[in-house]
N, C-alpha and C. Protein backbone atom coordinates (compact mmCIF):
# COMPACT_ATOMS: atom_id res chain seq x y z
N MET A 1 -21.02 -3.98 50.72
CA MET A 1 -19.96 -5.06 49.86
C MET A 1 -21.15 -6.18 49.02
N ARG A 2 -21.79 -6.57 49.80
CA ARG A 2 -22.29 -7.69 48.59
C ARG A 2 -22.53 -7.47 46.91
N PHE A 3 -22.90 -5.72 47.02
CA PHE A 3 -23.22 -5.38 45.66
C PHE A 3 -21.99 -5.26 45.20
N GLU A 4 -20.87 -4.86 45.88
CA GLU A 4 -19.71 -4.49 45.08
C GLU A 4 -19.05 -5.94 44.68
N ARG A 5 -19.38 -7.00 45.36
CA ARG A 5 -18.57 -8.33 44.86
C ARG A 5 -19.48 -8.74 43.43
N VAL A 6 -21.01 -8.66 43.60
CA VAL A 6 -21.52 -8.94 42.24
C VAL A 6 -21.27 -7.98 41.18
N ARG A 7 -21.01 -6.71 41.18
CA ARG A 7 -20.76 -5.84 40.42
C ARG A 7 -19.15 -6.26 39.46
N SER A 8 -18.19 -6.41 40.64
CA SER A 8 -17.14 -7.06 40.52
C SER A 8 -17.37 -8.37 39.52
N ALA A 9 -17.85 -9.56 39.77
CA ALA A 9 -18.15 -10.28 38.98
C ALA A 9 -18.79 -10.11 37.44
N ARG A 10 -19.53 -9.60 37.76
CA ARG A 10 -20.30 -8.81 36.54
C ARG A 10 -19.50 -8.66 35.37
N GLY A 11 -18.36 -7.74 36.22
CA GLY A 11 -17.31 -6.59 35.40
C GLY A 11 -16.17 -7.82 34.46
N ARG A 12 -16.19 -8.71 35.58
CA ARG A 12 -15.03 -9.86 35.05
C ARG A 12 -15.68 -10.88 33.69
N ARG A 13 -17.14 -11.12 33.89
CA ARG A 13 -17.70 -11.80 32.96
C ARG A 13 -17.78 -10.89 31.49
N LEU A 14 -18.09 -9.76 32.05
CA LEU A 14 -18.12 -8.86 30.64
C LEU A 14 -16.67 -8.74 29.66
N SER A 15 -15.51 -8.55 30.71
CA SER A 15 -14.56 -8.53 29.93
C SER A 15 -13.90 -9.86 29.23
N SER A 16 -14.39 -10.98 29.92
CA SER A 16 -14.19 -12.33 29.60
C SER A 16 -14.76 -12.56 28.32
N THR A 17 -16.12 -12.06 28.04
CA THR A 17 -16.90 -11.88 26.91
C THR A 17 -16.03 -11.46 25.63
N ARG A 18 -15.92 -10.04 25.94
CA ARG A 18 -15.01 -9.24 25.08
C ARG A 18 -13.99 -9.70 24.64
N TRP A 19 -13.03 -10.32 25.79
CA TRP A 19 -11.88 -10.79 25.14
C TRP A 19 -12.00 -12.06 23.97
N LEU A 20 -13.25 -12.89 24.37
CA LEU A 20 -13.61 -13.91 23.90
C LEU A 20 -13.91 -13.79 22.33
N GLN A 21 -14.85 -12.69 22.32
CA GLN A 21 -15.34 -11.92 20.98
C GLN A 21 -13.87 -11.55 20.31
N ARG A 22 -13.10 -11.05 20.71
CA ARG A 22 -12.21 -10.42 19.98
C ARG A 22 -11.00 -11.73 19.18
N GLN A 23 -10.87 -12.65 20.22
CA GLN A 23 -10.21 -13.70 19.73
C GLN A 23 -11.03 -14.44 18.24
N LEU A 24 -12.12 -14.83 18.51
CA LEU A 24 -12.82 -15.00 17.67
C LEU A 24 -13.05 -14.25 16.39
N ASN A 25 -12.83 -13.40 16.46
CA ASN A 25 -13.00 -12.71 15.20
C ASN A 25 -11.39 -12.12 14.56
N ASP A 26 -10.43 -12.55 15.37
CA ASP A 26 -9.03 -11.85 15.07
C ASP A 26 -8.46 -12.90 14.08
N PRO A 27 -8.16 -12.30 12.94
CA PRO A 27 -7.81 -13.19 12.00
C PRO A 27 -6.61 -13.91 11.96
N TYR A 28 -5.65 -13.13 12.67
CA TYR A 28 -4.29 -13.94 13.11
C TYR A 28 -4.46 -15.01 14.06
N VAL A 29 -5.49 -14.91 15.07
CA VAL A 29 -5.86 -16.06 15.71
C VAL A 29 -6.32 -17.09 14.88
N GLN A 30 -7.07 -16.73 13.72
CA GLN A 30 -7.60 -18.20 12.89
C GLN A 30 -6.48 -18.54 11.77
N ALA A 31 -5.82 -17.41 11.71
CA ALA A 31 -4.44 -18.12 10.94
C ALA A 31 -3.20 -18.87 11.31
N ALA A 32 -3.41 -18.44 12.69
CA ALA A 32 -2.54 -19.48 13.94
C ALA A 32 -2.51 -20.88 13.99
N LYS A 33 -3.95 -20.73 13.86
CA LYS A 33 -4.59 -22.33 13.85
C LYS A 33 -4.43 -23.02 12.39
N ARG A 34 -4.76 -22.18 11.50
CA ARG A 34 -4.30 -22.74 10.34
C ARG A 34 -3.55 -23.31 9.95
N ASP A 35 -2.11 -22.12 10.23
CA ASP A 35 -0.94 -22.54 9.83
C ASP A 35 -0.01 -23.31 10.87
N GLY A 36 -0.38 -23.79 12.06
CA GLY A 36 0.22 -24.82 12.95
C GLY A 36 0.39 -23.82 13.93
N TYR A 37 1.01 -22.49 13.91
CA TYR A 37 1.51 -21.60 15.35
C TYR A 37 0.82 -21.77 16.42
N ARG A 38 1.70 -21.61 17.40
CA ARG A 38 1.10 -21.76 18.77
C ARG A 38 0.65 -20.55 19.38
N SER A 39 0.71 -19.29 18.74
CA SER A 39 0.37 -18.17 18.98
C SER A 39 0.35 -17.34 17.79
N ARG A 40 -0.66 -16.43 18.01
CA ARG A 40 -0.82 -15.27 17.13
C ARG A 40 0.13 -14.62 16.52
N ALA A 41 1.23 -14.46 17.96
CA ALA A 41 2.51 -13.61 18.03
C ALA A 41 3.54 -13.80 17.19
N ALA A 42 3.28 -14.94 16.19
CA ALA A 42 4.07 -15.65 15.24
C ALA A 42 4.08 -14.78 14.36
N TYR A 43 3.17 -13.93 13.72
CA TYR A 43 2.89 -13.21 12.81
C TYR A 43 3.53 -11.88 12.74
N LYS A 44 3.73 -11.47 13.91
CA LYS A 44 4.70 -10.12 14.79
C LYS A 44 5.96 -10.34 13.84
N LEU A 45 6.60 -11.62 14.34
CA LEU A 45 8.01 -11.88 13.81
C LEU A 45 7.94 -12.13 12.44
N LEU A 46 7.05 -12.61 11.77
CA LEU A 46 7.07 -12.93 10.32
C LEU A 46 7.32 -11.69 9.84
N GLN A 47 6.39 -10.86 10.27
CA GLN A 47 6.22 -9.12 9.69
C GLN A 47 7.49 -8.45 9.74
N ILE A 48 8.01 -8.67 10.78
CA ILE A 48 9.29 -8.16 11.16
C ILE A 48 10.72 -8.23 10.45
N ASP A 49 10.46 -9.51 10.34
CA ASP A 49 11.53 -10.35 9.48
C ASP A 49 11.36 -10.03 7.81
N ASP A 50 10.40 -10.03 7.52
CA ASP A 50 10.02 -10.06 6.00
C ASP A 50 10.53 -8.18 5.96
N ARG A 51 10.49 -7.52 6.52
CA ARG A 51 10.99 -6.11 6.47
C ARG A 51 12.48 -5.82 6.85
N PHE A 52 12.93 -6.66 7.83
CA PHE A 52 14.35 -6.14 7.93
C PHE A 52 15.12 -7.44 7.85
N GLU A 53 14.93 -8.58 7.62
CA GLU A 53 15.48 -9.97 7.07
C GLU A 53 16.47 -10.02 8.13
N LEU A 54 16.33 -10.43 9.45
CA LEU A 54 17.44 -10.80 10.23
C LEU A 54 17.46 -11.95 10.47
N LEU A 55 16.48 -13.03 10.07
CA LEU A 55 16.62 -14.26 10.47
C LEU A 55 17.18 -15.44 9.26
N LYS A 56 18.92 -15.25 9.18
CA LYS A 56 19.10 -15.80 8.11
C LYS A 56 19.73 -17.23 8.35
N LEU A 57 19.86 -17.86 7.17
CA LEU A 57 20.10 -19.41 7.25
C LEU A 57 21.12 -19.42 7.96
N GLY A 58 20.90 -20.32 8.93
CA GLY A 58 21.89 -21.05 9.89
C GLY A 58 22.48 -20.36 11.19
N CYS A 59 21.56 -18.67 11.16
CA CYS A 59 22.33 -18.19 12.22
C CYS A 59 22.08 -18.47 13.47
N ARG A 60 22.65 -18.64 14.94
CA ARG A 60 22.02 -18.37 15.97
C ARG A 60 21.20 -17.69 16.58
N VAL A 61 20.14 -18.12 17.29
CA VAL A 61 19.10 -17.28 17.56
C VAL A 61 19.00 -17.42 19.13
N VAL A 62 18.80 -16.58 20.19
CA VAL A 62 18.38 -16.57 21.13
C VAL A 62 16.67 -15.96 21.18
N ASP A 63 15.82 -16.91 21.72
CA ASP A 63 14.58 -16.33 21.96
C ASP A 63 14.18 -16.22 23.56
N LEU A 64 14.04 -14.57 23.93
CA LEU A 64 13.98 -14.52 25.34
C LEU A 64 12.00 -14.20 25.48
N GLY A 65 11.73 -14.40 26.55
CA GLY A 65 10.09 -14.89 26.91
C GLY A 65 9.38 -15.81 25.66
N ALA A 66 9.98 -16.86 25.57
CA ALA A 66 9.52 -17.69 24.48
C ALA A 66 8.12 -18.44 24.59
N ALA A 67 7.51 -18.53 25.60
CA ALA A 67 6.52 -19.02 25.80
C ALA A 67 5.06 -18.67 25.09
N PRO A 68 4.39 -19.28 24.25
CA PRO A 68 3.88 -20.69 24.22
C PRO A 68 4.91 -21.31 22.89
N GLY A 69 5.59 -20.24 22.36
CA GLY A 69 6.72 -20.92 21.34
C GLY A 69 6.31 -20.33 19.83
N GLY A 70 5.75 -19.27 19.68
CA GLY A 70 5.32 -18.77 18.34
C GLY A 70 6.50 -18.36 17.82
N TRP A 71 7.02 -17.58 18.55
CA TRP A 71 8.42 -16.82 17.90
C TRP A 71 9.61 -18.08 17.82
N THR A 72 9.71 -19.15 18.19
CA THR A 72 10.54 -19.75 18.31
C THR A 72 10.56 -21.00 17.18
N GLN A 73 9.33 -21.02 16.66
CA GLN A 73 8.56 -21.92 15.58
C GLN A 73 9.03 -21.02 14.34
N VAL A 74 9.10 -19.86 14.46
CA VAL A 74 9.52 -18.89 13.14
C VAL A 74 10.80 -18.73 12.87
N ALA A 75 11.53 -18.56 14.15
CA ALA A 75 12.76 -18.57 13.79
C ALA A 75 13.56 -20.03 13.57
N VAL A 76 13.04 -21.21 14.15
CA VAL A 76 13.46 -22.45 13.59
C VAL A 76 13.23 -22.42 12.45
N ASN A 77 12.15 -22.56 12.23
CA ASN A 77 11.97 -22.54 10.60
C ASN A 77 12.58 -21.40 9.61
N ARG A 78 12.90 -20.42 9.67
CA ARG A 78 13.29 -19.31 8.71
C ARG A 78 15.11 -19.77 8.96
N VAL A 79 15.38 -19.88 10.23
CA VAL A 79 17.30 -20.14 9.91
C VAL A 79 17.39 -21.90 9.65
N GLN A 80 16.57 -22.94 9.62
CA GLN A 80 16.43 -24.27 9.40
C GLN A 80 17.16 -24.78 10.56
N SER A 81 16.70 -24.79 11.78
CA SER A 81 17.62 -25.24 12.97
C SER A 81 17.37 -26.73 12.76
N MET A 82 17.76 -27.09 13.18
CA MET A 82 18.08 -28.85 13.11
C MET A 82 17.74 -29.63 14.58
N ASP A 83 17.06 -30.33 14.61
CA ASP A 83 16.83 -30.95 15.99
C ASP A 83 18.18 -31.86 16.32
N GLY A 84 18.52 -31.75 17.60
CA GLY A 84 19.85 -32.35 18.04
C GLY A 84 21.26 -31.74 17.85
N HIS A 85 21.10 -31.20 16.73
CA HIS A 85 22.04 -29.67 16.96
C HIS A 85 21.80 -28.49 16.61
N PRO A 86 20.40 -28.09 17.48
CA PRO A 86 19.88 -26.88 17.52
C PRO A 86 20.60 -25.47 17.63
N SER A 87 20.06 -24.59 16.39
CA SER A 87 21.04 -23.24 16.81
C SER A 87 19.95 -22.16 17.10
N VAL A 88 18.82 -22.58 17.66
CA VAL A 88 17.67 -21.89 18.12
C VAL A 88 17.63 -22.46 19.73
N VAL A 89 17.80 -21.44 20.64
CA VAL A 89 17.91 -21.65 22.22
C VAL A 89 16.60 -20.24 22.76
N ALA A 90 15.54 -21.11 23.15
CA ALA A 90 14.59 -20.34 23.76
C ALA A 90 14.46 -20.36 25.35
N ILE A 91 14.03 -19.36 26.12
CA ILE A 91 13.85 -19.25 27.57
C ILE A 91 12.76 -18.69 27.83
N ASP A 92 11.88 -19.11 29.27
CA ASP A 92 10.70 -18.17 29.61
C ASP A 92 10.70 -19.17 31.07
N ILE A 93 10.02 -17.84 31.82
CA ILE A 93 9.59 -18.51 33.39
C ILE A 93 8.43 -19.11 33.50
N LEU A 94 7.71 -19.76 32.35
CA LEU A 94 6.72 -20.31 32.38
C LEU A 94 7.26 -21.52 31.25
N GLU A 95 6.61 -23.06 31.45
CA GLU A 95 7.01 -24.00 30.90
C GLU A 95 6.74 -23.89 29.56
N MET A 96 7.14 -24.62 28.53
CA MET A 96 6.98 -24.65 27.32
C MET A 96 7.01 -25.99 26.25
N GLU A 97 6.05 -26.18 26.05
CA GLU A 97 6.25 -27.81 25.26
C GLU A 97 7.49 -27.98 24.32
N PRO A 98 8.18 -28.99 24.15
CA PRO A 98 9.37 -29.32 23.54
C PRO A 98 9.04 -28.96 21.55
N LEU A 99 10.04 -28.43 21.33
CA LEU A 99 9.96 -28.09 19.99
C LEU A 99 10.88 -28.74 18.82
N PRO A 100 11.15 -29.33 18.08
CA PRO A 100 12.02 -29.66 17.40
C PRO A 100 12.95 -28.92 16.78
N GLY A 101 13.98 -28.59 16.95
CA GLY A 101 14.93 -27.72 16.05
C GLY A 101 15.54 -26.85 17.08
N ALA A 102 14.86 -26.69 18.66
CA ALA A 102 15.07 -25.35 19.58
C ALA A 102 15.36 -26.48 20.95
N ASP A 103 16.24 -25.58 21.50
CA ASP A 103 16.64 -25.58 22.72
C ASP A 103 15.98 -25.10 24.06
N ILE A 104 15.20 -25.61 24.86
CA ILE A 104 14.09 -24.86 25.57
C ILE A 104 14.55 -24.74 26.88
N LEU A 105 14.61 -23.65 27.89
CA LEU A 105 15.12 -23.37 29.20
C LEU A 105 13.97 -22.86 29.76
N LEU A 106 14.19 -23.33 31.27
CA LEU A 106 13.08 -22.90 31.92
C LEU A 106 13.99 -21.97 33.06
N GLY A 107 13.47 -20.52 32.87
CA GLY A 107 14.08 -19.28 33.64
C GLY A 107 13.84 -18.15 33.67
N ASP A 108 14.31 -17.43 34.33
CA ASP A 108 14.33 -15.99 34.30
C ASP A 108 15.40 -15.24 33.77
N ILE A 109 15.86 -14.44 32.80
CA ILE A 109 16.92 -13.71 32.58
C ILE A 109 17.52 -12.60 33.54
N GLU A 110 16.74 -12.03 34.91
CA GLU A 110 17.26 -11.52 35.52
C GLU A 110 17.43 -12.26 36.40
N ASP A 111 17.71 -13.52 36.37
CA ASP A 111 18.46 -14.27 37.82
C ASP A 111 19.82 -14.87 37.33
N GLU A 112 21.10 -14.39 37.62
CA GLU A 112 22.28 -14.58 37.22
C GLU A 112 22.50 -16.13 37.02
N ALA A 113 21.89 -17.24 37.71
CA ALA A 113 22.03 -18.77 37.42
C ALA A 113 21.31 -19.13 36.15
N ALA A 114 20.32 -18.55 35.77
CA ALA A 114 19.68 -18.73 34.30
C ALA A 114 20.38 -18.38 33.02
N VAL A 115 21.09 -17.34 33.34
CA VAL A 115 21.60 -16.45 32.46
C VAL A 115 22.74 -17.24 31.66
N ALA A 116 23.53 -17.64 33.17
CA ALA A 116 24.54 -18.86 32.80
C ALA A 116 24.35 -19.86 32.08
N ARG A 117 23.27 -20.80 32.32
CA ARG A 117 22.90 -21.51 31.78
C ARG A 117 22.08 -21.39 30.32
N LEU A 118 21.80 -20.19 30.24
CA LEU A 118 21.26 -19.87 28.76
C LEU A 118 22.47 -19.65 27.79
N CYS A 119 23.91 -19.12 28.41
CA CYS A 119 24.94 -18.48 27.66
C CYS A 119 25.53 -20.13 27.48
N ALA A 120 25.65 -20.94 28.27
CA ALA A 120 25.96 -22.05 28.37
C ALA A 120 25.51 -23.02 26.81
N ALA A 121 24.01 -22.93 27.04
CA ALA A 121 23.17 -23.84 25.97
C ALA A 121 23.92 -22.82 24.67
N ILE A 122 23.84 -21.42 24.60
CA ILE A 122 24.39 -20.75 23.25
C ILE A 122 25.30 -21.45 22.55
N GLY A 123 26.46 -21.79 23.55
CA GLY A 123 27.57 -22.40 23.15
C GLY A 123 28.71 -21.20 22.67
N SER A 124 28.30 -20.17 21.62
CA SER A 124 29.06 -19.31 21.19
C SER A 124 28.54 -18.06 20.92
N PRO A 125 28.93 -16.84 20.62
CA PRO A 125 28.22 -15.67 20.35
C PRO A 125 27.15 -16.01 19.56
N ALA A 126 25.93 -15.17 19.88
CA ALA A 126 24.79 -15.34 19.22
C ALA A 126 24.94 -14.08 18.04
N ASP A 127 23.63 -14.39 16.93
CA ASP A 127 23.71 -13.63 15.93
C ASP A 127 22.57 -12.82 15.96
N LEU A 128 21.70 -12.97 16.76
CA LEU A 128 20.09 -12.53 16.67
C LEU A 128 19.91 -12.86 18.01
N VAL A 129 19.26 -12.02 18.81
CA VAL A 129 18.61 -11.81 19.89
C VAL A 129 17.13 -11.29 19.83
N LEU A 130 16.20 -12.11 20.15
CA LEU A 130 14.41 -11.81 20.17
C LEU A 130 14.09 -11.61 21.32
N SER A 131 13.42 -10.79 21.61
CA SER A 131 12.69 -10.23 22.75
C SER A 131 11.14 -9.91 23.10
N ASP A 132 10.39 -10.81 23.38
CA ASP A 132 8.65 -10.38 22.89
C ASP A 132 8.15 -10.26 24.62
N MET A 133 9.21 -10.17 25.25
CA MET A 133 8.97 -10.22 26.66
C MET A 133 7.84 -9.00 27.00
N ALA A 134 6.89 -9.35 28.09
CA ALA A 134 5.88 -8.27 28.46
C ALA A 134 5.29 -8.68 30.11
N VAL A 135 5.34 -7.94 30.93
CA VAL A 135 4.62 -8.25 32.33
C VAL A 135 3.09 -8.47 32.05
N ALA A 136 2.45 -8.91 32.48
CA ALA A 136 0.74 -9.06 32.49
C ALA A 136 0.55 -7.59 32.87
N THR A 137 -0.46 -7.09 32.08
CA THR A 137 -1.06 -5.68 32.20
C THR A 137 -1.87 -5.47 33.48
N THR A 138 -1.62 -4.61 33.92
CA THR A 138 -2.61 -4.12 35.26
C THR A 138 -3.70 -3.04 34.53
N GLY A 139 -3.56 -2.51 33.46
CA GLY A 139 -4.69 -1.46 33.51
C GLY A 139 -4.14 -0.22 33.51
N HIS A 140 -2.68 0.11 34.50
CA HIS A 140 -2.58 1.12 34.74
C HIS A 140 -1.42 1.57 33.67
N ALA A 141 -1.70 2.36 32.60
CA ALA A 141 -0.82 2.77 31.29
C ALA A 141 0.95 2.99 31.97
N SER A 142 0.80 3.88 32.91
CA SER A 142 2.46 4.38 33.17
C SER A 142 2.99 3.01 33.59
N THR A 143 2.28 2.26 34.46
CA THR A 143 3.04 1.49 35.65
C THR A 143 3.43 -0.15 34.48
N ASP A 144 2.48 -0.30 33.70
CA ASP A 144 2.52 -1.43 32.56
C ASP A 144 3.86 -0.79 31.63
N HIS A 145 4.09 0.31 31.26
CA HIS A 145 5.18 0.85 30.50
C HIS A 145 6.38 0.61 31.11
N LEU A 146 6.52 0.91 32.33
CA LEU A 146 7.59 1.12 33.50
C LEU A 146 8.15 -0.75 33.62
N ARG A 147 7.30 -1.20 34.04
CA ARG A 147 7.57 -2.71 34.29
C ARG A 147 7.98 -3.49 32.91
N THR A 148 7.41 -3.28 31.19
CA THR A 148 7.72 -3.77 30.82
C THR A 148 9.04 -3.15 30.10
N LEU A 149 9.41 -1.76 30.17
CA LEU A 149 10.45 -1.39 29.94
C LEU A 149 11.81 -1.87 30.85
N ALA A 150 11.18 -1.92 32.14
CA ALA A 150 12.60 -2.60 32.77
C ALA A 150 12.82 -4.21 31.94
N LEU A 151 11.76 -5.09 31.47
CA LEU A 151 12.41 -6.18 31.08
C LEU A 151 13.01 -5.97 29.50
N ALA A 152 12.68 -4.76 29.15
CA ALA A 152 13.17 -4.71 27.63
C ALA A 152 14.66 -4.16 27.88
N GLU A 153 14.74 -3.40 28.93
CA GLU A 153 16.40 -2.69 29.48
C GLU A 153 17.11 -4.33 29.86
N ALA A 154 16.84 -5.08 30.63
CA ALA A 154 17.41 -6.44 30.75
C ALA A 154 17.83 -7.36 29.59
N ALA A 155 16.51 -7.31 28.66
CA ALA A 155 16.94 -7.99 27.18
C ALA A 155 17.84 -7.38 26.32
N PHE A 156 17.96 -5.89 26.60
CA PHE A 156 18.99 -5.29 26.20
C PHE A 156 20.51 -5.56 26.58
N LEU A 157 20.83 -5.38 27.80
CA LEU A 157 21.70 -5.73 28.57
C LEU A 157 22.37 -7.28 28.01
N PHE A 158 21.38 -8.27 28.11
CA PHE A 158 21.76 -9.63 28.00
C PHE A 158 22.14 -9.49 26.15
N ALA A 159 21.62 -8.94 25.44
CA ALA A 159 22.13 -9.01 23.93
C ALA A 159 23.23 -8.57 23.66
N CYS A 160 23.92 -7.15 24.31
CA CYS A 160 24.97 -6.84 24.57
C CYS A 160 25.83 -7.58 25.20
N GLU A 161 25.92 -8.32 25.66
CA GLU A 161 26.91 -9.74 26.19
C GLU A 161 26.87 -10.93 25.58
N VAL A 162 26.19 -11.06 24.85
CA VAL A 162 25.92 -12.25 23.96
C VAL A 162 26.14 -12.36 22.28
N LEU A 163 26.01 -10.77 21.82
CA LEU A 163 25.67 -11.06 20.37
C LEU A 163 27.37 -10.65 19.54
N THR A 164 27.29 -11.20 18.84
CA THR A 164 28.52 -11.46 17.69
C THR A 164 28.44 -9.90 16.71
N PRO A 165 29.90 -9.40 16.80
CA PRO A 165 29.73 -8.19 15.82
C PRO A 165 28.80 -8.20 14.83
N GLY A 166 28.09 -6.91 14.67
CA GLY A 166 27.06 -7.35 13.49
C GLY A 166 25.90 -8.02 13.67
N GLY A 167 25.42 -8.49 14.69
CA GLY A 167 24.69 -9.17 15.17
C GLY A 167 23.33 -8.35 15.24
N GLY A 168 21.98 -8.84 15.49
CA GLY A 168 20.85 -7.90 15.72
C GLY A 168 19.90 -8.28 16.73
N PHE A 169 18.71 -7.48 17.18
CA PHE A 169 18.47 -7.81 18.20
C PHE A 169 16.73 -7.07 18.17
N VAL A 170 15.67 -7.65 18.42
CA VAL A 170 14.40 -7.22 18.16
C VAL A 170 13.90 -7.07 19.79
N ASN A 171 13.64 -6.09 20.20
CA ASN A 171 12.94 -5.68 21.48
C ASN A 171 11.81 -5.11 21.70
N LYS A 172 10.81 -5.97 22.36
CA LYS A 172 9.77 -5.43 22.45
C LYS A 172 9.45 -4.56 23.57
N VAL A 173 8.76 -3.20 23.56
CA VAL A 173 8.65 -1.89 24.50
C VAL A 173 6.83 -1.59 24.29
N PHE A 174 6.86 -0.58 25.42
CA PHE A 174 5.75 -0.27 25.06
C PHE A 174 5.92 1.19 25.33
N GLN A 175 4.97 2.21 24.04
CA GLN A 175 5.21 3.61 23.93
C GLN A 175 5.09 4.23 25.23
N GLY A 176 6.01 5.20 25.55
CA GLY A 176 5.72 5.66 26.58
C GLY A 176 7.07 6.90 26.98
N ALA A 177 6.80 7.53 27.87
CA ALA A 177 7.79 8.83 28.19
C ALA A 177 9.47 8.42 28.04
N ASP A 178 9.43 7.13 28.59
CA ASP A 178 10.84 6.21 29.14
C ASP A 178 11.45 5.74 27.79
N GLU A 179 10.66 5.13 26.99
CA GLU A 179 11.14 4.25 25.64
C GLU A 179 12.34 5.17 25.11
N PRO A 180 12.06 6.63 24.52
CA PRO A 180 13.24 6.80 24.12
C PRO A 180 14.74 7.00 24.56
N ALA A 181 14.91 6.98 25.91
CA ALA A 181 16.20 6.60 26.55
C ALA A 181 16.66 5.31 26.29
N LEU A 182 15.56 4.29 26.09
CA LEU A 182 16.37 2.61 25.65
C LEU A 182 16.79 2.98 24.31
N PHE A 183 15.77 3.66 23.64
CA PHE A 183 16.17 4.03 21.94
C PHE A 183 17.63 4.38 21.72
N ASP A 184 17.68 5.35 22.75
CA ASP A 184 18.99 6.40 22.35
C ASP A 184 20.14 5.42 23.02
N ALA A 185 20.09 4.66 24.09
CA ALA A 185 21.27 3.72 24.37
C ALA A 185 21.37 2.70 23.46
N MET A 186 20.41 2.18 22.65
CA MET A 186 20.34 0.90 21.41
C MET A 186 21.38 1.75 20.57
N THR A 187 20.97 3.22 20.19
CA THR A 187 21.97 3.47 19.09
C THR A 187 23.48 3.52 19.21
N GLN A 188 23.96 3.49 20.60
CA GLN A 188 24.99 3.33 21.19
C GLN A 188 25.72 2.20 20.90
N LYS A 189 24.81 1.18 20.53
CA LYS A 189 25.66 -0.09 20.42
C LYS A 189 25.72 -1.03 19.22
N PHE A 190 23.99 -0.12 18.17
CA PHE A 190 24.30 -0.75 16.97
C PHE A 190 24.24 0.16 15.90
N GLY A 191 24.70 -0.41 14.64
CA GLY A 191 24.58 0.74 13.81
C GLY A 191 23.34 1.47 12.85
N SER A 192 22.30 0.78 13.48
CA SER A 192 21.20 1.37 13.06
C SER A 192 20.14 0.43 13.67
N VAL A 193 18.83 1.96 14.36
CA VAL A 193 17.90 1.28 15.25
C VAL A 193 16.69 1.67 14.78
N ARG A 194 15.42 1.00 14.50
CA ARG A 194 14.61 1.36 13.99
C ARG A 194 13.40 1.06 14.84
N ARG A 195 12.00 1.94 14.95
CA ARG A 195 11.00 1.76 15.62
C ARG A 195 10.23 0.92 14.99
N PHE A 196 9.18 -0.12 14.85
CA PHE A 196 8.38 -0.99 14.03
C PHE A 196 7.28 -1.43 14.86
N LYS A 197 6.32 -1.13 14.30
CA LYS A 197 5.00 -1.82 14.87
C LYS A 197 4.38 -2.75 13.57
N PRO A 198 4.70 -4.17 13.93
CA PRO A 198 3.79 -5.05 12.72
C PRO A 198 2.23 -4.86 12.68
N LYS A 199 1.80 -4.95 11.34
CA LYS A 199 0.18 -5.18 11.57
C LYS A 199 -0.31 -6.23 12.36
N ALA A 200 0.32 -7.12 12.67
CA ALA A 200 -0.07 -8.05 13.57
C ALA A 200 -0.15 -7.83 15.02
N SER A 201 0.42 -6.68 15.22
CA SER A 201 0.00 -5.52 16.73
C SER A 201 -1.43 -5.35 16.70
N ARG A 202 -2.02 -5.44 17.67
CA ARG A 202 -3.38 -5.02 17.47
C ARG A 202 -3.30 -3.23 17.99
N SER A 203 -4.37 -2.91 17.02
CA SER A 203 -4.47 -1.35 16.88
C SER A 203 -4.18 -0.30 18.05
N ASP A 204 -5.07 -1.13 19.00
CA ASP A 204 -5.16 -0.41 20.24
C ASP A 204 -4.17 -0.56 21.39
N SER A 205 -3.23 -1.17 20.75
CA SER A 205 -1.99 -1.78 21.79
C SER A 205 -1.15 -0.65 21.54
N VAL A 206 -0.26 -0.88 22.41
CA VAL A 206 0.78 0.48 22.80
C VAL A 206 2.42 -0.34 22.65
N GLU A 207 2.05 -1.37 22.06
CA GLU A 207 3.70 -2.32 21.85
C GLU A 207 3.75 -1.85 20.25
N MET A 208 5.36 -2.29 20.48
CA MET A 208 5.89 -1.54 19.28
C MET A 208 7.41 -2.52 19.64
N PHE A 209 8.33 -2.33 18.35
CA PHE A 209 9.45 -3.22 18.43
C PHE A 209 10.50 -2.49 18.35
N LEU A 210 11.94 -2.28 19.18
CA LEU A 210 13.03 -1.77 18.67
C LEU A 210 13.97 -2.60 17.83
N ILE A 211 14.28 -2.47 16.46
CA ILE A 211 15.16 -3.13 15.98
C ILE A 211 16.61 -2.54 15.76
N GLY A 212 17.52 -3.42 16.41
CA GLY A 212 18.99 -3.01 16.27
C GLY A 212 19.51 -3.90 15.38
N MET A 213 20.21 -3.39 14.32
CA MET A 213 21.05 -4.02 13.51
C MET A 213 22.26 -3.48 13.44
N GLY A 214 23.34 -4.51 13.31
CA GLY A 214 24.85 -4.28 13.04
C GLY A 214 25.45 -4.05 14.33
N PHE A 215 25.17 -4.69 15.51
CA PHE A 215 25.88 -4.70 16.65
C PHE A 215 27.34 -4.26 16.57
N LYS A 216 27.83 -3.46 17.28
CA LYS A 216 29.07 -2.67 16.93
C LYS A 216 30.32 -3.43 18.00
N ASP A 217 31.04 -4.13 17.50
CA ASP A 217 32.27 -4.33 18.29
C ASP A 217 32.43 -4.09 19.81
N PRO A 218 32.24 -4.75 20.85
CA PRO A 218 32.58 -4.34 22.10
C PRO A 218 33.80 -3.77 22.22
N GLU A 219 35.07 -4.40 21.23
CA GLU A 219 36.52 -3.95 21.43
C GLU A 219 36.66 -2.73 20.98
């Protein structure tokens, strides 16, 4: 038993060392520090928007799973959301530092009360819903895929409730056997759906994003 504990502790140290080395050598981590972004994930949204031009001046944006706020920063900057009258609303189950130009909520989009507060904060139909939500990975590929897909499905259902006709949706998923079903469901609600993996996503990551454009009028 003692040997098992020692081996487990050594494994955690090695894993932590590898993670630290990867962070130190990651150009996007370095760029985030240089450019003032809260996370390297900001560059994923920048690259998505450079490709698909979703963040238009003045549009109303909802950012799901926003903490620590890298995507929210990008959204605020690109739509020029103003402090006092923000057009960007962000929500996460984790605490998030205030950000000028964004209305930040603490809550879970799978909780009806949190969704009600989020809809009240939006105030009118959204032009764009962003979701970079993911569960803490377990290392078991199929489990991580299914748990992240459940969040992606929740984000999709929320987007269908709040988007204005013609609106857009960015939804993070993990590649796997069940992802095509969500892709197909999105094609029923959007005029165009694309799969996209930005360069800022790590090469060994199974994450990608489903980009929905031209939300269809539910009427």
